[in-house]
C-alpha atoms as a PDB file:
ATOM      1  CA  MET A   1      85.601 109.103  31.060  1.00  0.00           C
ATOM      2  CA  PRO A   2      82.203 110.015  31.901  1.00  0.00           C
ATOM      3  CA  ASP A   3      80.670 112.826  30.468  1.00  0.00           C
ATOM      4  CA  GLY A   4      80.070 116.521  32.189  1.00  0.00           C
ATOM      5  CA  GLU A   5      82.417 118.787  34.371  1.00  0.00           C
ATOM      6  CA  LEU A   6      83.224 118.505  37.999  1.00  0.00           C
ATOM      7  CA  LEU A   7      82.804 121.896  40.036  1.00  0.00           C
ATOM      8  CA  CYS A   8      84.365 122.136  43.183  1.00  0.00           C
ATOM      9  CA  THR A   9      85.049 124.498  46.011  1.00  0.00           C
ATOM     10  CA  VAL A  10      87.980 124.517  48.537  1.00  0.00           C
ATOM     11  CA  GLY A  11      88.739 126.356  51.405  1.00  0.00           C
ATOM     12  CA  ARG A  12      91.045 126.327  53.962  1.00  0.00           C
ATOM     13  CA  ASP A  13      90.951 125.784  57.853  1.00  0.00           C
ATOM     14  CA  ALA A  14      92.526 127.140  60.775  1.00  0.00           C
ATOM     15  CA  LYS A  15      95.720 125.117  60.409  1.00  0.00           C
ATOM     16  CA  ASN A  16      95.612 126.660  56.811  1.00  0.00           C
ATOM     17  CA  ALA A  17      95.387 123.135  55.253  1.00  0.00           C
ATOM     18  CA  ILE A  18      92.589 122.104  52.774  1.00  0.00           C
ATOM     19  CA  PHE A  19      89.008 121.837  53.499  1.00  0.00           C
ATOM     20  CA  SER A  20      86.519 120.678  50.977  1.00  0.00           C
ATOM     21  CA  ILE A  21      83.324 122.637  50.634  1.00  0.00           C
ATOM     22  CA  THR A  22      81.221 121.433  47.724  1.00  0.00           C
ATOM     23  CA  TRP A  23      81.434 119.700  44.909  1.00  0.00           C
ATOM     24  CA  ALA A  24      78.962 118.793  41.809  1.00  0.00           C
ATOM     25  CA  VAL A  25      79.146 117.362  38.199  1.00  0.00           C
ATOM     26  CA  VAL A  26      77.179 119.558  35.185  1.00  0.00           C
ATOM     27  CA  SER A  27      76.559 119.086  31.978  1.00  0.00           C
ATOM     28  CA  VAL A  28      78.891 121.690  30.606  1.00  0.00           C
ATOM     29  CA  GLU A  29      81.094 124.472  32.648  1.00  0.00           C
ATOM     30  CA  ASN A  30      79.258 127.855  31.603  1.00  0.00           C
ATOM     31  CA  LYS A  31      77.816 130.712  33.204  1.00  0.00           C
ATOM     32  CA  ASP A  32      74.411 129.347  34.093  1.00  0.00           C
ATOM     33  CA  ASN A  33      75.846 126.081  35.857  1.00  0.00           C
ATOM     34  CA  TRP A  34      78.192 128.169  37.630  1.00  0.00           C
ATOM     35  CA  LYS A  35      75.624 130.513  38.835  1.00  0.00           C
ATOM     36  CA  CYS A  36      73.210 127.574  40.144  1.00  0.00           C
ATOM     37  CA  PHE A  37      76.437 126.297  41.873  1.00  0.00           C
ATOM     38  CA  LEU A  38      77.219 129.481  43.735  1.00  0.00           C
ATOM     39  CA  GLU A  39      73.657 130.297  44.439  1.00  0.00           C
ATOM     40  CA  THR A  40      73.562 127.112  46.216  1.00  0.00           C
ATOM     41  CA  LEU A  41      76.979 127.775  48.312  1.00  0.00           C
ATOM     42  CA  SER A  42      75.622 131.283  49.026  1.00  0.00           C
ATOM     43  CA  GLU A  43      72.482 129.709  50.365  1.00  0.00           C
ATOM     44  CA  ASP A  44      74.531 127.131  52.873  1.00  0.00           C
ATOM     45  CA  PHE A  45      76.878 129.811  53.723  1.00  0.00           C
ATOM     46  CA  GLN A  46      73.993 132.036  54.680  1.00  0.00           C
ATOM     47  CA  CYS A  47      75.724 135.066  52.448  1.00  0.00           C
ATOM     48  CA  TRP A  48      72.880 137.584  53.008  1.00  0.00           C
ATOM     49  CA  ASN A  49      75.485 140.436  52.694  1.00  0.00           C
ATOM     50  CA  ASN A  50      76.261 139.830  49.057  1.00  0.00           C
ATOM     51  CA  GLY A  51      79.555 137.602  49.692  1.00  0.00           C
ATOM     52  CA  ASN A  52      81.279 140.638  51.222  1.00  0.00           C
ATOM     53  CA  ASP A  53      83.438 138.628  53.752  1.00  0.00           C
ATOM     54  CA  LEU A  54      84.521 136.148  51.019  1.00  0.00           C
ATOM     55  CA  VAL A  55      87.604 135.927  49.137  1.00  0.00           C
ATOM     56  CA  LEU A  56      87.434 133.825  46.258  1.00  0.00           C
ATOM     57  CA  ILE A  57      90.468 132.598  43.755  1.00  0.00           C
ATOM     58  CA  SER A  58      89.885 131.089  40.573  1.00  0.00           C
ATOM     59  CA  ASP A  59      90.702 130.650  36.995  1.00  0.00           C
ATOM     60  CA  GLN A  60      90.045 132.990  34.449  1.00  0.00           C
ATOM     61  CA  HIS A  61      86.897 131.166  32.998  1.00  0.00           C
ATOM     62  CA  LYS A  62      84.686 133.799  31.733  1.00  0.00           C
ATOM     63  CA  GLY A  63      81.340 132.071  32.718  1.00  0.00           C
ATOM     64  CA  LEU A  64      82.637 131.849  36.588  1.00  0.00           C
ATOM     65  CA  ILE A  65      83.568 135.301  36.479  1.00  0.00           C
ATOM     66  CA  LYS A  66      80.221 136.641  35.443  1.00  0.00           C
ATOM     67  CA  ALA A  67      78.245 134.363  37.598  1.00  0.00           C
ATOM     68  CA  VAL A  68      80.463 135.526  40.714  1.00  0.00           C
ATOM     69  CA  LYS A  69      79.498 139.294  39.769  1.00  0.00           C
ATOM     70  CA  GLU A  70      75.932 138.427  40.098  1.00  0.00           C
ATOM     71  CA  VAL A  71      75.923 135.932  42.992  1.00  0.00           C
ATOM     72  CA  PHE A  72      78.645 137.405  45.220  1.00  0.00           C
ATOM     73  CA  PRO A  73      78.862 140.984  43.744  1.00  0.00           C
ATOM     74  CA  ALA A  74      80.879 142.496  46.917  1.00  0.00           C
ATOM     75  CA  ALA A  75      83.244 139.508  47.681  1.00  0.00           C
ATOM     76  CA  GLU A  76      86.954 139.964  46.302  1.00  0.00           C
ATOM     77  CA  HIS A  77      87.169 137.576  43.240  1.00  0.00           C
ATOM     78  CA  ARG A  78      91.005 136.995  42.780  1.00  0.00           C
ATOM     79  CA  GLN A  79      92.416 135.187  39.607  1.00  0.00           C
ATOM     80  CA  CYS A  80      95.181 132.560  40.363  1.00  0.00           C
ATOM     81  CA  ALA A  81      98.423 134.302  39.461  1.00  0.00           C
ATOM     82  CA  ARG A  82      99.576 130.933  38.057  1.00  0.00           C
ATOM     83  CA  HIS A  83      97.321 131.074  35.477  1.00  0.00           C
ATOM     84  CA  ILE A  84      98.219 134.659  34.670  1.00  0.00           C
ATOM     85  CA  TYR A  85     101.800 133.714  34.312  1.00  0.00           C
ATOM     86  CA  ALA A  86     101.093 130.752  32.017  1.00  0.00           C
ATOM     87  CA  ASN A  87      99.570 133.122  29.473  1.00  0.00           C
ATOM     88  CA  PHE A  88     102.195 135.781  30.193  1.00  0.00           C
ATOM     89  CA  ARG A  89     105.083 133.003  29.543  1.00  0.00           C
ATOM     90  CA  LYS A  90     103.352 132.281  26.121  1.00  0.00           C
ATOM     91  CA  THR A  91     104.856 135.266  24.895  1.00  0.00           C
ATOM     92  CA  LEU A  92     107.534 136.472  27.348  1.00  0.00           C
ATOM     93  CA  SER A  93     109.297 133.478  28.812  1.00  0.00           C
ATOM     94  CA  GLY A  94     112.563 133.078  30.569  1.00  0.00           C
ATOM     95  CA  SER A  95     113.806 132.950  34.545  1.00  0.00           C
ATOM     96  CA  LYS A  96     114.144 136.738  34.811  1.00  0.00           C
ATOM     97  CA  PHE A  97     110.538 137.318  33.680  1.00  0.00           C
ATOM     98  CA  GLU A  98     109.385 134.486  35.835  1.00  0.00           C
ATOM     99  CA  ASN A  99     110.930 136.099  39.128  1.00  0.00           C
ATOM    100  CA  LEU A 100     110.026 139.415  38.547  1.00  0.00           C
ATOM    101  CA  PHE A 101     106.321 138.462  37.992  1.00  0.00           C
ATOM    102  CA  TRP A 102     106.217 136.653  41.110  1.00  0.00           C
ATOM    103  CA  LYS A 103     107.870 139.337  42.828  1.00  0.00           C
ATOM    104  CA  ALA A 104     105.459 141.863  41.308  1.00  0.00           C
ATOM    105  CA  SER A 105     102.174 139.235  42.397  1.00  0.00           C
ATOM    106  CA  LYS A 106     103.573 139.027  45.910  1.00  0.00           C
ATOM    107  CA  ALA A 107     104.447 142.657  46.446  1.00  0.00           C
ATOM    108  CA  THR A 108     102.208 143.670  49.386  1.00  0.00           C
ATOM    109  CA  THR A 109     102.802 147.828  48.869  1.00  0.00           C
ATOM    110  CA  GLU A 110     101.776 149.673  45.573  1.00  0.00           C
ATOM    111  CA  ALA A 111     105.303 151.355  45.783  1.00  0.00           C
ATOM    112  CA  GLN A 112     107.052 147.896  45.714  1.00  0.00           C
ATOM    113  CA  PHE A 113     104.751 146.763  42.920  1.00  0.00           C
ATOM    114  CA  ASN A 114     105.875 149.787  40.676  1.00  0.00           C
ATOM    115  CA  VAL A 115     109.671 149.065  41.551  1.00  0.00           C
ATOM    116  CA  VAL A 116     109.209 145.838  40.176  1.00  0.00           C
ATOM    117  CA  MET A 117     107.214 146.763  37.155  1.00  0.00           C
ATOM    118  CA  LYS A 118     109.812 149.314  36.248  1.00  0.00           C
ATOM    119  CA  GLU A 119     112.501 146.304  36.211  1.00  0.00           C
ATOM    120  CA  ILE A 120     110.229 144.695  33.933  1.00  0.00           C
ATOM    121  CA  GLY A 121     109.916 147.436  31.684  1.00  0.00           C
ATOM    122  CA  LYS A 122     113.483 147.725  31.318  1.00  0.00           C
ATOM    123  CA  LEU A 123     113.804 144.102  30.012  1.00  0.00           C
ATOM    124  CA  ASN A 124     110.392 144.648  27.715  1.00  0.00           C
ATOM    125  CA  SER A 125     108.221 147.478  27.628  1.00  0.00           C
ATOM    126  CA  GLU A 126     105.366 145.144  25.937  1.00  0.00           C
ATOM    127  CA  ALA A 127     105.732 142.928  29.171  1.00  0.00           C
ATOM    128  CA  VAL A 128     104.449 145.889  31.641  1.00  0.00           C
ATOM    129  CA  VAL A 129     101.154 146.573  28.745  1.00  0.00           C
ATOM    130  CA  HIS A 130     100.447 142.712  28.910  1.00  0.00           C
ATOM    131  CA  LEU A 131     100.411 142.330  32.695  1.00  0.00           C
ATOM    132  CA  MET A 132      98.649 145.905  33.298  1.00  0.00           C
ATOM    133  CA  ALA A 133      96.088 144.616  30.917  1.00  0.00           C
ATOM    134  CA  ARG A 134      95.519 141.713  33.205  1.00  0.00           C
ATOM    135  CA  ASP A 135      94.424 144.051  35.917  1.00  0.00           C
ATOM    136  CA  PRO A 136      96.883 144.021  39.016  1.00  0.00           C
ATOM    137  CA  LYS A 137      94.207 144.391  41.126  1.00  0.00           C
ATOM    138  CA  ILE A 138      93.045 140.825  40.914  1.00  0.00           C
ATOM    139  CA  TRP A 139      96.402 139.128  40.965  1.00  0.00           C
ATOM    140  CA  SER A 140      98.872 141.141  43.188  1.00  0.00           C
ATOM    141  CA  LEU A 141      98.755 141.641  46.865  1.00  0.00           C
ATOM    142  CA  ALA A 142      99.476 145.076  46.731  1.00  0.00           C
ATOM    143  CA  PHE A 143      96.113 145.752  45.822  1.00  0.00           C
ATOM    144  CA  PHE A 144      94.194 143.188  47.629  1.00  0.00           C
ATOM    145  CA  ARG A 145      91.525 144.046  50.475  1.00  0.00           C
ATOM    146  CA  VAL A 146      93.071 143.717  54.149  1.00  0.00           C
ATOM    147  CA  HIS A 147      91.171 142.207  57.041  1.00  0.00           C
ATOM    148  CA  ASN A 148      90.498 139.003  55.278  1.00  0.00           C
ATOM    149  CA  SER A 149      93.535 137.051  56.745  1.00  0.00           C
ATOM    150  CA  CYS A 150      94.124 135.538  52.845  1.00  0.00           C
ATOM    151  CA  GLU A 151      97.278 136.354  51.445  1.00  0.00           C
ATOM    152  CA  SER A 152      97.157 133.641  48.660  1.00  0.00           C
ATOM    153  CA  VAL A 153      97.804 134.740  45.098  1.00  0.00           C
ATOM    154  CA  GLU A 154      97.358 131.266  43.510  1.00  0.00           C
ATOM    155  CA  ASN A 155      94.680 128.612  43.611  1.00  0.00           C
ATOM    156  CA  GLY A 156      96.932 125.755  44.675  1.00  0.00           C
ATOM    157  CA  PHE A 157      94.206 124.120  47.239  1.00  0.00           C
ATOM    158  CA  SER A 158      91.925 123.530  44.304  1.00  0.00           C
ATOM    159  CA  GLU A 159      94.896 121.960  41.992  1.00  0.00           C
ATOM    160  CA  SER A 160      95.898 119.713  45.001  1.00  0.00           C
ATOM    161  CA  PHE A 161      92.317 118.615  45.639  1.00  0.00           C
ATOM    162  CA  ASN A 162      92.044 117.626  41.801  1.00  0.00           C
ATOM    163  CA  SER A 163      95.379 115.555  42.293  1.00  0.00           C
ATOM    164  CA  VAL A 164      93.838 113.674  44.832  1.00  0.00           C
ATOM    165  CA  ILE A 165      90.832 112.767  43.137  1.00  0.00           C
ATOM    166  CA  LEU A 166      92.345 112.167  39.862  1.00  0.00           C
ATOM    167  CA  ASP A 167      91.735 108.411  39.362  1.00  0.00           C
ATOM    168  CA  ALA A 168      88.144 108.958  40.574  1.00  0.00           C
ATOM    169  CA  ARG A 169      87.455 111.371  37.913  1.00  0.00           C
ATOM    170  CA  LYS A 170      88.117 108.419  35.342  1.00  0.00           C
ATOM    171  CA  LYS A 171      84.952 106.457  36.634  1.00  0.00           C
ATOM    172  CA  PRO A 172      81.093 106.694  36.044  1.00  0.00           C
ATOM    173  CA  ILE A 173      79.533 109.653  37.912  1.00  0.00           C
ATOM    174  CA  ILE A 174      78.266 107.636  40.932  1.00  0.00           C
ATOM    175  CA  SER A 175      81.487 106.083  41.593  1.00  0.00           C
ATOM    176  CA  VAL A 176      83.167 109.504  40.952  1.00  0.00           C
ATOM    177  CA  LEU A 177      80.871 111.197  43.767  1.00  0.00           C
ATOM    178  CA  GLU A 178      81.030 107.915  46.149  1.00  0.00           C
ATOM    179  CA  ASP A 179      85.044 108.222  45.845  1.00  0.00           C
ATOM    180  CA  ILE A 180      85.091 112.064  46.673  1.00  0.00           C
ATOM    181  CA  HIS A 181      82.354 111.310  49.583  1.00  0.00           C
ATOM    182  CA  ILE A 182      84.765 108.573  51.015  1.00  0.00           C
ATOM    183  CA  TYR A 183      87.914 110.729  50.609  1.00  0.00           C
ATOM    184  CA  VAL A 184      86.313 113.763  52.122  1.00  0.00           C
ATOM    185  CA  THR A 185      84.640 111.575  55.170  1.00  0.00           C
ATOM    186  CA  GLN A 186      87.826 110.057  56.007  1.00  0.00           C
ATOM    187  CA  ARG A 187      89.803 113.397  55.655  1.00  0.00           C
ATOM    188  CA  MET A 188      87.333 114.869  58.345  1.00  0.00           C
ATOM    189  CA  VAL A 189      87.958 112.176  60.915  1.00  0.00           C
ATOM    190  CA  THR A 190      91.865 112.459  60.392  1.00  0.00           C
ATOM    191  CA  MET A 191      92.087 116.262  60.968  1.00  0.00           C
ATOM    192  CA  LYS A 192      89.770 115.881  63.841  1.00  0.00           C
ATOM    193  CA  LEU A 193      92.077 113.512  65.540  1.00  0.00           C
ATOM    194  CA  THR A 194      95.282 115.741  64.743  1.00  0.00           C
ATOM    195  CA  LYS A 195      93.689 118.433  67.399  1.00  0.00           C
ATOM    196  CA  GLN A 196      93.603 116.112  70.306  1.00  0.00           C
ATOM    197  CA  GLY A 197      95.745 117.736  73.084  1.00  0.00           C
ATOM    198  CA  TRP A 198      95.715 121.021  71.498  1.00  0.00           C
ATOM    199  CA  ASN A 199      94.834 124.349  73.932  1.00  0.00           C
ATOM    200  CA  ALA A 200      91.680 125.814  72.600  1.00  0.00           C
ATOM    201  CA  TYR A 201      92.934 129.365  73.033  1.00  0.00           C
ATOM    202  CA  SER A 202      96.669 128.732  71.527  1.00  0.00           C
ATOM    203  CA  VAL A 203      97.553 129.325  67.927  1.00  0.00           C
ATOM    204  CA  CYS A 204      97.639 126.281  65.211  1.00  0.00           C
ATOM    205  CA  PRO A 205     101.051 124.681  64.955  1.00  0.00           C
ATOM    206  CA  ASN A 206     101.276 125.369  61.237  1.00  0.00           C
ATOM    207  CA  ILE A 207     100.812 128.926  62.265  1.00  0.00           C
ATOM    208  CA  ARG A 208     103.195 128.906  64.878  1.00  0.00           C
ATOM    209  CA  ILE A 209     105.768 127.388  62.451  1.00  0.00           C
ATOM    210  CA  ARG A 210     105.232 130.503  60.068  1.00  0.00           C
ATOM    211  CA  LEU A 211     105.873 132.955  62.940  1.00  0.00           C
ATOM    212  CA  ASN A 212     108.889 130.847  64.066  1.00  0.00           C
ATOM    213  CA  MET A 213     110.160 131.363  60.371  1.00  0.00           C
ATOM    214  CA  LEU A 214     109.789 135.286  60.780  1.00  0.00           C
ATOM    215  CA  GLN A 215     111.637 135.132  64.233  1.00  0.00           C
ATOM    216  CA  ILE A 216     114.692 133.898  62.500  1.00  0.00           C
ATOM    217  CA  LYS A 217     114.594 136.613  60.141  1.00  0.00           C
ATOM    218  CA  GLN A 218     114.072 139.573  62.593  1.00  0.00           C
ATOM    219  CA  ARG A 219     117.840 139.315  63.532  1.00  0.00           C
ATOM    220  CA  HIS A 220     118.508 141.612  60.561  1.00  0.00           C
ATOM    221  CA  TRP A 221     116.144 144.290  61.606  1.00  0.00           C
ATOM    222  CA  HIS A 222     116.467 147.166  64.478  1.00  0.00           C
ATOM    223  CA  VAL A 223     113.459 148.772  66.134  1.00  0.00           C
ATOM    224  CA  ILE A 224     113.074 152.345  66.777  1.00  0.00           C
ATOM    225  CA  SER A 225     110.609 153.758  69.292  1.00  0.00           C
ATOM    226  CA  CYS A 226     108.377 156.379  68.077  1.00  0.00           C
ATOM    227  CA  GLY A 227     106.225 156.914  71.265  1.00  0.00           C
ATOM    228  CA  GLY A 228     103.363 154.887  72.946  1.00  0.00           C
ATOM    229  CA  MET A 229     102.698 151.857  70.875  1.00  0.00           C
ATOM    230  CA  LYS A 230     104.151 153.003  67.535  1.00  0.00           C
ATOM    231  CA  PHE A 231     107.712 151.898  66.313  1.00  0.00           C
ATOM    232  CA  LYS A 232     109.752 151.833  62.979  1.00  0.00           C
ATOM    233  CA  ALA A 233     111.575 148.524  61.779  1.00  0.00           C
ATOM    234  CA  ARG A 234     114.720 149.359  59.969  1.00  0.00           C
ATOM    235  CA  LYS A 235     117.056 147.331  57.682  1.00  0.00           C
ATOM    236  CA  MET A 236     119.440 149.255  55.794  1.00  0.00           C
ATOM    237  CA  ASP A 237     117.484 151.691  53.632  1.00  0.00           C
ATOM    238  CA  GLU A 238     114.161 149.984  54.101  1.00  0.00           C
ATOM    239  CA  VAL A 239     111.932 151.402  56.643  1.00  0.00           C
ATOM    240  CA  PHE A 240     108.204 150.282  57.790  1.00  0.00           C
ATOM    241  CA  THR A 241     106.107 151.779  60.571  1.00  0.00           C
ATOM    242  CA  VAL A 242     104.329 149.402  63.037  1.00  0.00           C
ATOM    243  CA  ASP A 243     101.424 150.047  65.045  1.00  0.00           C
ATOM    244  CA  VAL A 244     101.022 147.496  67.998  1.00  0.00           C
ATOM    245  CA  GLU A 245      97.790 148.632  69.062  1.00  0.00           C
ATOM    246  CA  LYS A 246      96.015 148.484  65.859  1.00  0.00           C
ATOM    247  CA  LYS A 247      97.875 145.399  64.639  1.00  0.00           C
ATOM    248  CA  GLU A 248      99.242 147.181  61.722  1.00  0.00           C
ATOM    249  CA  CYS A 249     102.298 147.350  59.730  1.00  0.00           C
ATOM    250  CA  SER A 250     102.944 149.945  56.644  1.00  0.00           C
ATOM    251  CA  CYS A 251     103.961 146.880  54.628  1.00  0.00           C
ATOM    252  CA  ARG A 252     100.481 145.412  54.951  1.00  0.00           C
ATOM    253  CA  LEU A 253     101.200 142.420  55.396  1.00  0.00           C
ATOM    254  CA  TRP A 254     100.275 141.698  58.896  1.00  0.00           C
ATOM    255  CA  LYS A 255      96.784 142.847  57.874  1.00  0.00           C
ATOM    256  CA  LEU A 256      96.743 140.768  54.724  1.00  0.00           C
ATOM    257  CA  ASN A 257      97.628 137.164  56.323  1.00  0.00           C
ATOM    258  CA  GLY A 258      96.225 137.666  59.916  1.00  0.00           C
ATOM    259  CA  TYR A 259      99.401 136.878  61.893  1.00  0.00           C
ATOM    260  CA  GLY A 260     102.372 139.173  61.015  1.00  0.00           C
ATOM    261  CA  CYS A 261     105.306 140.045  58.904  1.00  0.00           C
ATOM    262  CA  VAL A 262     108.679 140.200  60.126  1.00  0.00           C
ATOM    263  CA  HIS A 263     108.255 144.116  61.340  1.00  0.00           C
ATOM    264  CA  SER A 264     105.449 143.138  63.467  1.00  0.00           C
ATOM    265  CA  VAL A 265     107.485 140.231  65.100  1.00  0.00           C
ATOM    266  CA  VAL A 266     110.835 142.142  65.503  1.00  0.00           C
ATOM    267  CA  THR A 267     108.681 144.932  67.124  1.00  0.00           C
ATOM    268  CA  LEU A 268     106.885 142.486  69.428  1.00  0.00           C
ATOM    269  CA  SER A 269     110.205 141.097  70.657  1.00  0.00           C
ATOM    270  CA  TYR A 270     111.569 144.363  71.088  1.00  0.00           C
ATOM    271  CA  LEU A 271     108.705 144.743  73.674  1.00  0.00           C
ATOM    272  CA  ASN A 272     109.163 141.204  75.081  1.00  0.00           C
ATOM    273  CA  LEU A 273     105.849 139.870  73.660  1.00  0.00           C
ATOM    274  CA  THR A 274     105.275 136.843  71.841  1.00  0.00           C
ATOM    275  CA  PRO A 275     103.946 136.975  68.367  1.00  0.00           C
ATOM    276  CA  ASP A 276     101.045 134.823  69.019  1.00  0.00           C
ATOM    277  CA  GLY A 277      97.899 135.141  71.347  1.00  0.00           C
ATOM    278  CA  PRO A 278      96.082 138.358  70.818  1.00  0.00           C
ATOM    279  CA  TYR A 279      98.369 139.366  67.942  1.00  0.00           C
ATOM    280  CA  VAL A 280      97.031 136.603  65.720  1.00  0.00           C
ATOM    281  CA  ASP A 281      93.465 136.743  64.037  1.00  0.00           C
ATOM    282  CA  PRO A 282      91.373 134.517  65.918  1.00  0.00           C
ATOM    283  CA  MET A 283      90.748 132.236  62.898  1.00  0.00           C
ATOM    284  CA  TYR A 284      93.976 130.705  63.424  1.00  0.00           C
ATOM    285  CA  LEU A 285      93.229 129.574  67.059  1.00  0.00           C
ATOM    286  CA  ASP A 286      92.757 125.848  67.706  1.00  0.00           C
ATOM    287  CA  ALA A 287      89.099 126.504  69.005  1.00  0.00           C
ATOM    288  CA  LEU A 288      87.964 127.560  65.445  1.00  0.00           C
ATOM    289  CA  TYR A 289      89.918 124.431  64.255  1.00  0.00           C
ATOM    290  CA  HIS A 290      87.902 122.251  66.538  1.00  0.00           C
ATOM    291  CA  ASN A 291      84.772 124.051  65.588  1.00  0.00           C
ATOM    292  CA  THR A 292      85.603 123.361  61.802  1.00  0.00           C
ATOM    293  CA  TYR A 293      85.654 119.304  62.354  1.00  0.00           C
ATOM    294  CA  LYS A 294      83.145 119.136  64.847  1.00  0.00           C
ATOM    295  CA  GLN A 295      80.331 117.891  62.280  1.00  0.00           C
ATOM    296  CA  PRO A 296      81.268 114.759  60.888  1.00  0.00           C
ATOM    297  CA  ILE A 297      80.029 113.725  57.329  1.00  0.00           C
ATOM    298  CA  HIS A 298      77.607 110.896  57.511  1.00  0.00           C
ATOM    299  CA  GLY A 299      77.523 107.497  55.738  1.00  0.00           C
ATOM    300  CA  MET A 300      75.419 106.661  52.856  1.00  0.00           C
ATOM    301  CA  ASN A 301      73.586 103.368  51.932  1.00  0.00           C
ATOM    302  CA  GLY A 302      74.446 101.739  48.695  1.00  0.00           C
END
């Protein structure tokens, strides 16, 4: 195995698939190397607003956390919920705690989060103290910013990228970089070919599949008009308000993910409107997908 550490940044495209952004080999994973890496990334992104538009998800490496605060002070830096749970499991394991933890991390409102935390407290009060000490603002959807169209609570994309380059990481440094270069180059070409025949102003297929899944769930909900473009979606004792004009739902998920929730879908269906087009964030349109892959990665001589 070569000495050093491989740092990488992985994002997502309009189809909600992996998009490899940057990678570099450093001597050791510490604050200084992370800061240098992030400063180069900031320059390439042209982030002159301190990263205000960025959502970053990482593990809990102290050097990275400090570097992000210096380079992207305005960015939303989330901690991977899977890493949070891994530490949580060391002291409190079991399927009940696991299910409740993920329920808390994916709760979209503070009220829902508090209900789950009370359930955890009934099982073990120390568990609540442990989780609150990790600051839920960095691992629960209930406290994340809206308008960024990112509802991710875990860093699965980076883990997927690491699994792809697992064999490459066992090689000498030059070979590692060459293998990654070949993989990303081929992926760029493959992803570009998949968009052929798509309508530039339609929603990407993966997002359309998610909307179709929400349409299946909508049959359990009943819509009540409140006048104008404001409505209430009701199921048993659950009630959420939907403002179609503002593209907002009181569950917050519509603003969190950018394409909608079951409440928005059932409301649009009530109005005989489809949940795509103007009701989906432009970042999920085929035109943006095309723009992402229009620039190829050029080959290099040996």
